[in-house]
Amino acid sequence: MTHADSIWAKALESHSDSLQSKVDLLQAKLDGLQDKTDLLYNVIEPANSSISNQLTTISVILGVVGLIITVFGIWLSIHISKKKKEIDEIANTVEKEKESVIKMAKKTEKLDQHIRKNLSDLYKDLRNEETNALLERLIIEPRDISNLSDLLLTRSLSEEEFPKLKDAFLKYLEEQGDQIEVVTANGIGSENYLGLLFQHFFYRSIKDDFIRPRLIDHFHQLFEMAFKRDMIKSTEDLCKALSDEDSSFNKEDVLVDYLKALNNSKHKSLSELKNIFEQNITPQSLLQSAKNRCTEDQVYLELFGVTSPDGGETTPQQNGEN
């Protein structure tokens, strides 16, 4: 080996030693880093495990909380819906009540105006209600007619109230326990009923087969109690009943009885009645026949100017023609 080779070998060996020294240094540093890494791993691993456990616990807690929130949300939604429905119902009720209040206010205002401006109509309505109550009372207690007849005579009765008065009259007769004829002839109560029927419902009463004969039996008493207005109305009703084609009673007999009773009453010279008879009875031959029958029975109708032949005045036939 040459000297140059020796020098080159030494240089290589020196360089090798230097590299080995560096490698050993790096190895030492690497070992230090490995120790540190192991230390960090040993420290981090438990921390990671703890964090993982905590995250798992948090997930469970969040899941439970989420479930609770979901259930609460569902309950809250149902509760809110129910409350909204209740509020809507309350709102509808309030609206209806509002409409009712408005209607009531309008009715009250209308009633107030009616009271202020139509006192007479209101009085008539109240009077009609009272009249109806009186008739209902008679149906329950028909003998109370002695107390109520004067009240009913002083007011107007509608056609719809005829059945009530008739029912009360029939009940009155049934409760007497005597024969109807005797009660009708002698009972003061029956005369009160007949007076009401004569004044308010003579047309319907004269066409009623039950009431008509009882009225005829009391023509004299009824005429004596009647005022001029009552006689005019009842005479008009009689003429209407006599002129009806569907009237089934003996018209001439009823007219004769009426004229005879009239001729023996304080209204026998009432000229308005003469005009009513002559203008409202159809046919007029019915009136003439009734007048002739009265004359034959020696009842001379002063209303028509008929006098007794002994008086030397116009004969019944001549007067009828006039």
Protein backbone atom coordinates (compact mmCIF):
# COMPACT_ATOMS: atom_id res chain seq x y z
CA MET A 1 0.00 0.00 0.00
CA THR A 2 1.27 3.35 -0.88
CA HIS A 3 1.53 6.35 1.23
CA ALA A 4 -1.29 7.98 -0.72
CA ASP A 5 -3.50 5.04 -0.19
CA SER A 6 -2.72 5.15 3.48
CA ILE A 7 -3.66 8.75 3.68
CA TRP A 8 -6.89 8.05 1.72
CA ALA A 9 -7.74 5.18 4.03
CA LYS A 10 -7.19 7.29 7.07
CA ALA A 11 -9.30 10.02 5.62
CA LEU A 12 -12.06 7.54 4.87
CA GLU A 13 -11.78 6.07 8.35
CA SER A 14 -11.86 9.51 9.88
CA HIS A 15 -14.82 10.42 7.76
CA SER A 16 -16.47 7.11 8.67
CA ASP A 17 -15.89 7.77 12.32
CA SER A 18 -17.38 11.22 11.90
CA LEU A 19 -20.45 9.73 10.19
CA GLN A 20 -20.76 7.06 12.81
CA SER A 21 -20.59 9.71 15.48
CA LYS A 22 -23.34 11.63 13.73
CA VAL A 23 -25.41 8.49 13.33
CA ASP A 24 -24.94 7.70 17.01
CA LEU A 25 -26.00 11.24 17.82
CA LEU A 26 -29.06 10.94 15.61
CA GLN A 27 -29.84 7.56 17.14
CA ALA A 28 -29.59 9.09 20.59
CA LYS A 29 -31.89 11.89 19.51
CA LEU A 30 -34.23 9.36 17.91
CA ASP A 31 -34.25 7.33 21.10
CA GLY A 32 -35.00 10.53 23.02
CA LEU A 33 -37.84 11.29 20.61
CA GLN A 34 -39.14 7.73 20.93
CA ASP A 35 -39.13 8.07 24.69
CA LYS A 36 -40.97 11.33 24.42
CA THR A 37 -43.39 9.80 21.92
CA ASP A 38 -44.04 6.88 24.23
CA LEU A 39 -44.54 9.30 27.08
CA LEU A 40 -46.96 11.36 25.02
CA TYR A 41 -48.77 8.24 23.84
CA ASN A 42 -49.12 7.05 27.41
CA VAL A 43 -50.48 10.45 28.37
CA ILE A 44 -52.73 10.94 25.32
CA GLU A 45 -54.19 7.40 25.24
CA PRO A 46 -56.05 7.72 28.58
CA ALA A 47 -57.11 11.22 27.59
CA ASN A 48 -58.47 9.93 24.30
CA SER A 49 -60.28 7.15 26.12
CA SER A 50 -61.71 9.63 28.60
CA ILE A 51 -62.72 11.99 25.81
CA SER A 52 -64.28 9.10 23.92
CA ASN A 53 -66.21 8.06 26.98
CA GLN A 54 -67.27 11.63 27.56
CA LEU A 55 -68.34 11.96 23.94
CA THR A 56 -70.33 8.75 24.25
CA THR A 57 -71.97 10.01 27.43
CA ILE A 58 -72.65 13.35 25.82
CA SER A 59 -74.19 11.58 22.81
CA VAL A 60 -76.43 9.55 25.11
CA ILE A 61 -77.37 12.68 27.05
CA LEU A 62 -78.02 14.59 23.83
CA GLY A 63 -80.10 11.67 22.56
CA VAL A 64 -82.17 11.62 25.74
CA VAL A 65 -82.47 15.40 25.70
CA GLY A 66 -83.47 15.26 22.03
CA LEU A 67 -86.10 12.63 22.80
CA ILE A 68 -87.41 14.70 25.70
CA ILE A 69 -87.47 17.79 23.49
CA THR A 70 -89.26 15.83 20.75
CA VAL A 71 -91.87 14.47 23.16
CA PHE A 72 -92.28 17.89 24.73
CA GLY A 73 -92.58 19.42 21.28
CA ILE A 74 -95.30 16.94 20.32
CA TRP A 75 -97.16 17.57 23.60
CA LEU A 76 -96.73 21.31 23.20
CA SER A 77 -98.02 21.12 19.62
CA ILE A 78 -101.07 19.12 20.70
CA HIS A 79 -101.67 21.46 23.64
CA ILE A 80 -101.35 24.52 21.42
CA SER A 81 -103.74 22.98 18.86
CA LYS A 82 -106.23 22.20 21.60
CA LYS A 83 -105.94 25.69 23.04
CA LYS A 84 -106.26 27.19 19.57
CA LYS A 85 -109.42 25.14 19.02
CA GLU A 86 -110.79 26.30 22.37
CA ILE A 87 -109.91 29.89 21.51
CA ASP A 88 -111.62 29.52 18.12
CA GLU A 89 -114.71 28.11 19.82
CA ILE A 90 -114.66 30.93 22.34
CA ALA A 91 -114.24 33.40 19.48
CA ASN A 92 -117.22 31.84 17.65
CA THR A 93 -119.25 31.91 20.85
CA VAL A 94 -118.30 35.52 21.43
CA GLU A 95 -119.24 36.32 17.83
CA LYS A 96 -122.58 34.59 18.21
CA GLU A 97 -123.18 36.32 21.52
CA LYS A 98 -122.21 39.57 19.88
CA GLU A 99 -124.76 38.94 17.13
CA SER A 100 -127.36 37.98 19.75
CA VAL A 101 -126.61 41.14 21.70
CA ILE A 102 -126.89 43.21 18.52
CA LYS A 103 -130.20 41.53 17.65
CA MET A 104 -131.43 41.98 21.21
CA ALA A 105 -130.38 45.61 21.12
CA LYS A 106 -132.28 46.10 17.86
CA LYS A 107 -135.33 44.35 19.29
CA THR A 108 -135.07 46.41 22.46
CA GLU A 109 -134.76 49.58 20.41
CA LYS A 110 -137.70 48.50 18.26
CA LEU A 111 -139.72 47.67 21.36
CA ASP A 112 -138.79 51.01 22.89
CA GLN A 113 -139.93 52.77 19.73
CA HIS A 114 -143.05 50.63 19.69
CA ILE A 115 -143.76 51.58 23.29
CA ARG A 116 -143.08 55.25 22.68
CA LYS A 117 -144.90 55.59 19.37
CA ASN A 118 -147.56 52.89 19.55
CA LEU A 119 -148.84 52.89 23.07
CA SER A 120 -152.35 52.23 21.85
CA ASP A 121 -151.24 49.13 19.89
CA LEU A 122 -149.23 47.88 22.85
CA TYR A 123 -152.25 48.36 25.08
CA LYS A 124 -154.36 46.37 22.62
CA ASP A 125 -151.81 43.55 22.58
CA LEU A 126 -151.70 43.43 26.37
CA ARG A 127 -155.47 43.60 26.54
CA ASN A 128 -155.77 40.72 24.06
CA GLU A 129 -153.37 38.64 26.16
CA GLU A 130 -155.41 39.41 29.25
CA THR A 131 -158.63 38.50 27.42
CA ASN A 132 -157.13 35.19 26.36
CA ALA A 133 -156.06 34.54 29.97
CA LEU A 134 -159.60 35.26 31.17
CA LEU A 135 -161.07 32.79 28.67
CA GLU A 136 -158.51 30.16 29.70
CA ARG A 137 -159.58 30.78 33.28
CA LEU A 138 -163.22 30.17 32.36
CA ILE A 139 -162.35 26.85 30.71
CA ILE A 140 -160.68 25.80 33.96
CA GLU A 141 -163.37 27.27 36.22
CA PRO A 142 -166.51 28.03 34.17
CA ARG A 143 -168.50 29.17 37.21
CA ASP A 144 -166.20 32.17 37.51
CA ILE A 145 -168.28 33.75 34.74
CA SER A 146 -170.15 35.76 37.38
CA ASN A 147 -166.91 37.62 38.11
CA LEU A 148 -165.49 37.83 34.60
CA SER A 149 -168.51 38.50 32.39
CA ASP A 150 -168.48 42.28 32.97
CA LEU A 151 -164.79 42.43 31.99
CA LEU A 152 -165.35 40.42 28.81
CA LEU A 153 -168.42 42.46 27.83
CA THR A 154 -166.36 45.67 27.78
CA ARG A 155 -163.72 44.46 25.32
CA SER A 156 -163.50 43.04 21.82
CA LEU A 157 -163.07 39.30 21.27
CA SER A 158 -161.54 37.85 18.12
CA GLU A 159 -163.21 35.10 16.11
CA GLU A 160 -160.51 32.64 17.25
CA GLU A 161 -161.77 32.96 20.81
CA PHE A 162 -165.28 31.67 20.06
CA PRO A 163 -164.37 27.98 20.64
CA LYS A 164 -162.93 28.82 24.06
CA LEU A 165 -166.04 30.66 25.16
CA LYS A 166 -168.24 27.85 23.85
CA ASP A 167 -166.16 25.21 25.65
CA ALA A 168 -166.43 27.14 28.92
CA PHE A 169 -170.21 27.45 28.42
CA LEU A 170 -170.60 23.71 27.81
CA LYS A 171 -168.51 22.92 30.88
CA TYR A 172 -170.63 25.30 32.93
CA LEU A 173 -173.81 23.51 31.92
CA GLU A 174 -172.28 20.09 32.59
CA GLU A 175 -171.14 21.08 36.07
CA GLN A 176 -174.62 22.18 37.15
CA GLY A 177 -175.81 18.60 37.44
CA ASP A 178 -179.31 19.59 36.31
CA GLN A 179 -180.99 19.30 32.96
CA ILE A 180 -179.60 21.75 30.43
CA GLU A 181 -183.01 23.30 29.79
CA VAL A 182 -183.56 24.09 33.46
CA VAL A 183 -180.07 25.51 33.87
CA THR A 184 -180.40 27.57 30.73
CA ALA A 185 -183.74 28.96 31.77
CA ASN A 186 -182.93 29.74 35.40
CA GLY A 187 -179.17 29.90 35.79
CA ILE A 188 -177.71 33.41 36.00
CA GLY A 189 -174.33 32.06 34.87
CA SER A 190 -175.76 30.72 31.62
CA GLU A 191 -177.32 34.13 30.93
CA ASN A 192 -173.88 35.70 31.34
CA TYR A 193 -172.45 33.27 28.80
CA LEU A 194 -175.31 33.91 26.41
CA GLY A 195 -174.80 37.64 26.81
CA LEU A 196 -171.17 37.29 25.72
CA LEU A 197 -172.10 35.04 22.81
CA PHE A 198 -174.84 37.47 21.75
CA GLN A 199 -172.57 40.51 21.89
CA HIS A 200 -169.35 39.08 20.44
CA PHE A 201 -170.25 36.03 18.37
CA PHE A 202 -173.90 36.26 17.41
CA TYR A 203 -173.28 35.19 13.80
CA ARG A 204 -171.48 31.99 14.78
CA SER A 205 -173.79 31.37 17.73
CA ILE A 206 -176.98 31.62 15.69
CA LYS A 207 -175.54 29.04 13.25
CA ASP A 208 -174.57 26.73 16.11
CA ASP A 209 -177.26 24.09 16.67
CA PHE A 210 -176.48 23.86 20.38
CA ILE A 211 -176.32 27.57 21.22
CA ARG A 212 -179.04 28.88 18.90
CA PRO A 213 -182.12 27.57 20.78
CA ARG A 214 -180.73 28.86 24.09
CA LEU A 215 -180.17 32.28 22.59
CA ILE A 216 -183.68 32.36 21.21
CA ASP A 217 -185.08 31.54 24.66
CA HIS A 218 -183.22 34.57 26.04
CA PHE A 219 -183.78 37.10 23.26
CA HIS A 220 -185.93 39.30 25.50
CA GLN A 221 -183.39 39.46 28.36
CA LEU A 222 -180.49 39.94 25.96
CA PHE A 223 -182.18 42.78 24.10
CA GLU A 224 -182.98 44.58 27.35
CA MET A 225 -179.31 44.39 28.43
CA ALA A 226 -177.93 45.35 25.01
CA PHE A 227 -176.87 48.83 23.99
CA LYS A 228 -177.71 50.39 20.64
CA ARG A 229 -174.33 49.42 19.22
CA ASP A 230 -174.80 45.80 20.34
CA MET A 231 -178.22 45.60 18.70
CA ILE A 232 -176.91 46.98 15.41
CA LYS A 233 -174.02 44.53 15.32
CA SER A 234 -176.12 41.53 16.32
CA THR A 235 -178.81 42.41 13.78
CA GLU A 236 -176.16 42.61 11.06
CA ASP A 237 -174.83 39.21 12.16
CA LEU A 238 -178.35 37.77 12.06
CA CYS A 239 -178.94 39.05 8.53
CA LYS A 240 -175.62 37.57 7.44
CA ALA A 241 -176.52 34.19 8.91
CA LEU A 242 -180.00 34.30 7.34
CA SER A 243 -178.51 35.14 3.93
CA ASP A 244 -175.95 32.32 4.00
CA GLU A 245 -176.97 29.50 1.72
CA ASP A 246 -175.27 26.92 3.91
CA SER A 247 -177.31 27.82 7.01
CA SER A 248 -179.26 24.68 7.90
CA PHE A 249 -181.65 26.07 10.53
CA ASN A 250 -185.20 27.27 9.89
CA LYS A 251 -184.45 30.86 8.94
CA GLU A 252 -188.01 32.14 9.05
CA ASP A 253 -188.64 30.75 12.54
CA VAL A 254 -185.47 32.37 13.89
CA LEU A 255 -186.28 35.71 12.25
CA VAL A 256 -189.83 35.64 13.63
CA ASP A 257 -188.54 34.99 17.16
CA TYR A 258 -186.01 37.80 16.78
CA LEU A 259 -188.60 40.29 15.51
CA LYS A 260 -191.08 39.41 18.24
CA ALA A 261 -188.46 39.87 20.97
CA LEU A 262 -187.30 43.10 19.36
CA ASN A 263 -190.84 44.43 19.23
CA ASN A 264 -191.10 43.88 22.97
CA SER A 265 -187.80 45.63 23.77
CA LYS A 266 -186.57 49.19 24.20
CA HIS A 267 -185.03 49.05 20.71
CA LYS A 268 -188.29 48.43 18.86
CA SER A 269 -188.21 51.86 17.19
CA LEU A 270 -184.52 51.91 16.27
CA SER A 271 -184.58 53.03 12.63
CA GLU A 272 -181.08 51.71 11.92
CA LEU A 273 -182.36 48.19 12.50
CA LYS A 274 -185.13 48.62 9.94
CA ASN A 275 -182.58 49.65 7.32
CA ILE A 276 -180.34 46.71 8.19
CA PHE A 277 -183.20 44.21 7.83
CA GLU A 278 -184.36 45.65 4.53
CA GLN A 279 -180.89 45.96 2.97
CA ASN A 280 -179.12 42.85 4.22
CA ILE A 281 -181.58 39.95 4.18
CA THR A 282 -181.54 37.84 1.04
CA PRO A 283 -184.09 37.08 -0.27
CA GLN A 284 -186.34 39.91 0.89
CA SER A 285 -189.33 37.57 0.73
CA LEU A 286 -187.96 35.98 3.91
CA LEU A 287 -188.38 39.26 5.79
CA GLN A 288 -191.87 39.77 4.40
CA SER A 289 -192.93 36.27 5.39
CA ALA A 290 -191.61 36.77 8.92
CA LYS A 291 -193.44 40.10 9.23
CA ASN A 292 -196.66 38.51 8.06
CA ARG A 293 -196.32 35.69 10.59
CA CYS A 294 -195.80 38.21 13.38
CA THR A 295 -198.97 40.01 12.35
CA GLU A 296 -200.88 36.73 12.22
CA ASP A 297 -199.72 36.08 15.79
CA GLN A 298 -201.01 39.55 16.69
CA VAL A 299 -197.49 40.94 17.14
CA TYR A 300 -197.50 44.26 15.33
CA LEU A 301 -193.95 45.31 14.49
CA GLU A 302 -193.55 48.94 15.44
CA LEU A 303 -190.15 49.02 13.72
CA PHE A 304 -191.88 48.60 10.33
CA GLY A 305 -194.87 50.79 11.15
CA VAL A 306 -197.26 47.84 11.53
CA THR A 307 -200.15 48.57 13.89
CA SER A 308 -203.22 46.75 15.03
CA PRO A 309 -206.09 46.76 12.50
CA ASP A 310 -208.25 48.17 15.28
CA GLY A 311 -206.17 51.32 15.13
CA GLY A 312 -207.38 52.00 11.62
CA GLU A 313 -203.83 52.37 10.18
CA THR A 314 -201.91 50.62 7.42
CA THR A 315 -202.37 46.88 7.20
CA PRO A 316 -199.34 44.64 7.55
CA GLN A 317 -199.46 43.68 3.87
CA GLN A 318 -199.55 47.28 2.69
CA ASN A 319 -196.70 48.23 5.03
CA GLY A 320 -194.61 45.31 3.83
CA GLU A 321 -195.01 46.47 0.26
CA ASN A 322 -193.82 49.91 1.23
